[in-house]
């Protein structure tokens, strides 16, 4: 995986690099006192690719760091995202990149992997598929 001109590239099986954008969403427990939880783990990485559309890369450890009372809601959100991605992927990606309230909040969005290169590497098979 490399960076060229500020755009993340992932090696494709044919040796050709593909460009994509990403949105890293962190989990924040839903609470009346949201300020008590200043930052949470990145549990969802959304990757936008011209050839494959949107990919939702869920941290395999998500269930360990999400409060039990938030799990059903997050599961429903993920199902909704998958359905909406089929119809309006660009609009959904823009919306996800601006989330500022609720249990999923955007930590970073753009076309540079920076801190998230390890997460992208975890899912390299999904990105290269």
C-alpha atoms as a PDB file:
ATOM      1  CA  UNK A   1       0.000   0.000   0.000  1.00  0.00           C
ATOM      2  CA  UNK A   2       1.401   3.397  -0.837  1.00  0.00           C
ATOM      3  CA  UNK A   3       0.569   7.047  -1.205  1.00  0.00           C
ATOM      4  CA  UNK A   4       0.842   8.957  -4.452  1.00  0.00           C
ATOM      5  CA  UNK A   5      -0.248  12.586  -4.787  1.00  0.00           C
ATOM      6  CA  UNK A   6      -2.075  12.415  -1.443  1.00  0.00           C
ATOM      7  CA  UNK A   7      -4.331   9.538  -2.502  1.00  0.00           C
ATOM      8  CA  UNK A   8      -4.123   6.124  -0.876  1.00  0.00           C
ATOM      9  CA  UNK A   9      -3.352   3.354  -3.296  1.00  0.00           C
ATOM     10  CA  UNK A  10      -3.785  -0.345  -2.710  1.00  0.00           C
ATOM     11  CA  UNK A  11      -2.033  -2.914  -4.867  1.00  0.00           C
ATOM     12  CA  UNK A  12      -4.550  -4.718  -7.002  1.00  0.00           C
ATOM     13  CA  UNK A  13      -4.152  -8.414  -7.799  1.00  0.00           C
ATOM     14  CA  UNK A  14      -3.108  -7.511 -11.336  1.00  0.00           C
ATOM     15  CA  UNK A  15      -0.373  -5.217 -10.004  1.00  0.00           C
ATOM     16  CA  UNK A  16      -2.274  -2.017 -10.827  1.00  0.00           C
ATOM     17  CA  UNK A  17      -2.838   0.399  -7.947  1.00  0.00           C
ATOM     18  CA  UNK A  18      -6.366   1.564  -7.191  1.00  0.00           C
ATOM     19  CA  UNK A  19      -7.202   4.898  -5.603  1.00  0.00           C
ATOM     20  CA  UNK A  20      -9.761   5.358  -2.898  1.00  0.00           C
ATOM     21  CA  UNK A  21     -11.068   7.676  -0.198  1.00  0.00           C
ATOM     22  CA  UNK A  22     -11.842   6.755   3.380  1.00  0.00           C
ATOM     23  CA  UNK A  23     -13.869   7.799   6.383  1.00  0.00           C
ATOM     24  CA  UNK A  24     -12.868   6.562   9.862  1.00  0.00           C
ATOM     25  CA  UNK A  25     -15.765   6.460  12.316  1.00  0.00           C
ATOM     26  CA  UNK A  26     -15.217   6.149  16.036  1.00  0.00           C
ATOM     27  CA  UNK A  27     -17.611   4.787  18.611  1.00  0.00           C
ATOM     28  CA  UNK A  28     -18.938   7.125  21.272  1.00  0.00           C
ATOM     29  CA  UNK A  29     -21.351   5.689  23.821  1.00  0.00           C
ATOM     30  CA  UNK A  30     -24.781   7.270  23.584  1.00  0.00           C
ATOM     31  CA  UNK A  31     -25.192   9.213  26.791  1.00  0.00           C
ATOM     32  CA  UNK A  32     -26.612  12.386  28.159  1.00  0.00           C
ATOM     33  CA  UNK A  33     -23.043  13.200  29.132  1.00  0.00           C
ATOM     34  CA  UNK A  34     -21.313  12.691  25.780  1.00  0.00           C
ATOM     35  CA  UNK A  35     -18.500  15.005  26.911  1.00  0.00           C
ATOM     36  CA  UNK A  36     -17.449  12.300  29.406  1.00  0.00           C
ATOM     37  CA  UNK A  37     -16.358  10.202  26.447  1.00  0.00           C
ATOM     38  CA  UNK A  38     -13.919  12.479  24.579  1.00  0.00           C
ATOM     39  CA  UNK A  39     -12.849   9.905  22.009  1.00  0.00           C
ATOM     40  CA  UNK A  40     -13.413   6.285  21.250  1.00  0.00           C
ATOM     41  CA  UNK A  41     -11.955   3.539  19.126  1.00  0.00           C
ATOM     42  CA  UNK A  42     -12.340   3.556  15.356  1.00  0.00           C
ATOM     43  CA  UNK A  43     -14.826   0.743  14.759  1.00  0.00           C
ATOM     44  CA  UNK A  44     -15.817   1.405  11.155  1.00  0.00           C
ATOM     45  CA  UNK A  45     -13.724   2.337   8.179  1.00  0.00           C
ATOM     46  CA  UNK A  46     -15.694   3.258   5.074  1.00  0.00           C
ATOM     47  CA  UNK A  47     -13.718   3.011   1.853  1.00  0.00           C
ATOM     48  CA  UNK A  48     -14.954   4.599  -1.373  1.00  0.00           C
ATOM     49  CA  UNK A  49     -13.513   3.183  -4.557  1.00  0.00           C
ATOM     50  CA  UNK A  50     -14.569   4.082  -8.101  1.00  0.00           C
ATOM     51  CA  UNK A  51     -14.641   0.474  -9.263  1.00  0.00           C
ATOM     52  CA  UNK A  52     -16.166  -1.202  -6.198  1.00  0.00           C
ATOM     53  CA  UNK A  53     -18.272   1.546  -4.633  1.00  0.00           C
ATOM     54  CA  UNK A  54     -18.448   1.677  -0.836  1.00  0.00           C
ATOM     55  CA  UNK A  55     -16.864  -0.906   1.457  1.00  0.00           C
ATOM     56  CA  UNK A  56     -17.720  -1.071   5.155  1.00  0.00           C
ATOM     57  CA  UNK A  57     -14.809  -2.424   7.149  1.00  0.00           C
ATOM     58  CA  UNK A  58     -15.946  -3.210  10.677  1.00  0.00           C
ATOM     59  CA  UNK A  59     -13.295  -3.714  13.342  1.00  0.00           C
ATOM     60  CA  UNK A  60     -13.470  -7.401  14.327  1.00  0.00           C
ATOM     61  CA  UNK A  61     -13.091  -6.280  17.968  1.00  0.00           C
ATOM     62  CA  UNK A  62     -16.062  -3.906  17.776  1.00  0.00           C
ATOM     63  CA  UNK A  63     -18.310  -5.990  20.020  1.00  0.00           C
ATOM     64  CA  UNK A  64     -15.704  -5.879  22.778  1.00  0.00           C
ATOM     65  CA  UNK A  65     -15.561  -2.084  22.932  1.00  0.00           C
ATOM     66  CA  UNK A  66     -19.226  -1.175  22.299  1.00  0.00           C
ATOM     67  CA  UNK A  67     -21.594  -0.999  25.246  1.00  0.00           C
ATOM     68  CA  UNK A  68     -24.196  -3.749  25.183  1.00  0.00           C
ATOM     69  CA  UNK A  69     -27.073  -1.276  25.083  1.00  0.00           C
ATOM     70  CA  UNK A  70     -25.624   0.273  21.880  1.00  0.00           C
ATOM     71  CA  UNK A  71     -24.984  -2.986  19.974  1.00  0.00           C
ATOM     72  CA  UNK A  72     -28.480  -3.462  18.538  1.00  0.00           C
ATOM     73  CA  UNK A  73     -28.579   0.138  17.335  1.00  0.00           C
ATOM     74  CA  UNK A  74     -25.142  -0.112  15.696  1.00  0.00           C
ATOM     75  CA  UNK A  75     -26.111  -3.404  14.040  1.00  0.00           C
ATOM     76  CA  UNK A  76     -29.224  -1.735  12.622  1.00  0.00           C
ATOM     77  CA  UNK A  77     -27.153   1.231  11.406  1.00  0.00           C
ATOM     78  CA  UNK A  78     -24.704  -1.056   9.616  1.00  0.00           C
ATOM     79  CA  UNK A  79     -27.548  -2.898   7.878  1.00  0.00           C
ATOM     80  CA  UNK A  80     -29.076   0.436   6.874  1.00  0.00           C
ATOM     81  CA  UNK A  81     -25.721   1.675   5.524  1.00  0.00           C
ATOM     82  CA  UNK A  82     -25.356  -1.474   3.411  1.00  0.00           C
ATOM     83  CA  UNK A  83     -28.828  -1.025   1.896  1.00  0.00           C
ATOM     84  CA  UNK A  84     -28.415   2.703   1.265  1.00  0.00           C
ATOM     85  CA  UNK A  85     -24.996   2.126  -0.319  1.00  0.00           C
ATOM     86  CA  UNK A  86     -26.685   0.105  -3.069  1.00  0.00           C
ATOM     87  CA  UNK A  87     -28.934   3.024  -4.026  1.00  0.00           C
ATOM     88  CA  UNK A  88     -26.999   6.200  -3.220  1.00  0.00           C
ATOM     89  CA  UNK A  89     -23.338   5.433  -2.445  1.00  0.00           C
ATOM     90  CA  UNK A  90     -21.988   8.947  -3.030  1.00  0.00           C
ATOM     91  CA  UNK A  91     -24.633  10.646  -0.898  1.00  0.00           C
ATOM     92  CA  UNK A  92     -24.167   8.097   1.888  1.00  0.00           C
ATOM     93  CA  UNK A  93     -20.387   8.528   1.852  1.00  0.00           C
ATOM     94  CA  UNK A  94     -20.760  12.307   2.144  1.00  0.00           C
ATOM     95  CA  UNK A  95     -23.197  11.887   5.010  1.00  0.00           C
ATOM     96  CA  UNK A  96     -20.925   9.451   6.854  1.00  0.00           C
ATOM     97  CA  UNK A  97     -17.981  11.815   6.432  1.00  0.00           C
ATOM     98  CA  UNK A  98     -19.896  14.505   8.311  1.00  0.00           C
ATOM     99  CA  UNK A  99     -21.365  12.512  11.232  1.00  0.00           C
ATOM    100  CA  UNK A 100     -20.993  14.533  14.422  1.00  0.00           C
ATOM    101  CA  UNK A 101     -23.712  13.151  16.729  1.00  0.00           C
ATOM    102  CA  UNK A 102     -24.759   9.700  17.835  1.00  0.00           C
ATOM    103  CA  UNK A 103     -22.756   6.557  18.525  1.00  0.00           C
ATOM    104  CA  UNK A 104     -20.665   6.880  15.346  1.00  0.00           C
ATOM    105  CA  UNK A 105     -18.714  10.083  14.876  1.00  0.00           C
ATOM    106  CA  UNK A 106     -16.257  10.850  12.119  1.00  0.00           C
ATOM    107  CA  UNK A 107     -12.714  10.977  13.387  1.00  0.00           C
ATOM    108  CA  UNK A 108     -11.066  11.584  10.052  1.00  0.00           C
ATOM    109  CA  UNK A 109     -12.027  11.527   6.394  1.00  0.00           C
ATOM    110  CA  UNK A 110     -10.049  12.055   3.253  1.00  0.00           C
ATOM    111  CA  UNK A 111      -7.682  10.375   0.905  1.00  0.00           C
ATOM    112  CA  UNK A 112      -4.621   9.894   3.111  1.00  0.00           C
ATOM    113  CA  UNK A 113      -4.290   6.786   5.234  1.00  0.00           C
ATOM    114  CA  UNK A 114      -1.887   8.184   7.836  1.00  0.00           C
ATOM    115  CA  UNK A 115      -2.877   6.667  11.173  1.00  0.00           C
ATOM    116  CA  UNK A 116      -5.264   4.182   9.578  1.00  0.00           C
ATOM    117  CA  UNK A 117      -2.810   2.323   7.358  1.00  0.00           C
ATOM    118  CA  UNK A 118      -2.769  -0.504   9.922  1.00  0.00           C
ATOM    119  CA  UNK A 119      -6.556  -0.793   9.787  1.00  0.00           C
ATOM    120  CA  UNK A 120      -6.451  -0.775   5.996  1.00  0.00           C
ATOM    121  CA  UNK A 121      -3.810  -3.501   6.088  1.00  0.00           C
ATOM    122  CA  UNK A 122      -6.074  -5.590   8.331  1.00  0.00           C
ATOM    123  CA  UNK A 123      -8.650  -5.517   5.555  1.00  0.00           C
ATOM    124  CA  UNK A 124      -6.292  -5.681   2.579  1.00  0.00           C
ATOM    125  CA  UNK A 125      -8.079  -8.751   1.194  1.00  0.00           C
ATOM    126  CA  UNK A 126     -11.385  -6.876   1.190  1.00  0.00           C
ATOM    127  CA  UNK A 127      -9.850  -3.837  -0.523  1.00  0.00           C
ATOM    128  CA  UNK A 128      -8.054  -5.955  -3.121  1.00  0.00           C
ATOM    129  CA  UNK A 129     -10.995  -8.254  -3.895  1.00  0.00           C
END
